[in-house]
Amino acid sequence: RKLVLNFLLMELRKCCNHP
């Protein structure tokens, strides 16, 4: 389950990086 969380975090960061 930790992997999923990590993936979500990465995606969120990507989204926040370039809105």
Protein backbone atom coordinates (compact mmCIF):
# COMPACT_ATOMS: atom_id res chain seq x y z
CA ARG A 1 0.00 0.00 0.00
CA LYS A 2 2.92 2.30 0.63
CA LEU A 3 3.80 2.13 -3.06
CA VAL A 4 0.39 3.47 -4.02
CA LEU A 5 0.79 6.37 -1.64
CA ASN A 6 4.19 7.15 -3.06
CA PHE A 7 2.80 7.08 -6.57
CA LEU A 8 -0.02 9.42 -5.64
CA LEU A 9 2.39 11.82 -4.02
CA MET A 10 4.56 11.86 -7.11
CA GLU A 11 1.56 12.54 -9.35
CA LEU A 12 0.37 15.31 -7.10
CA ARG A 13 3.79 16.92 -7.16
CA LYS A 14 3.85 16.72 -10.95
CA CYS A 15 0.44 18.36 -11.12
CA CYS A 16 1.49 21.07 -8.70
CA ASN A 17 4.73 21.58 -10.56
CA HIS A 18 3.10 22.70 -13.79
CA PRO A 19 -0.53 23.78 -13.33
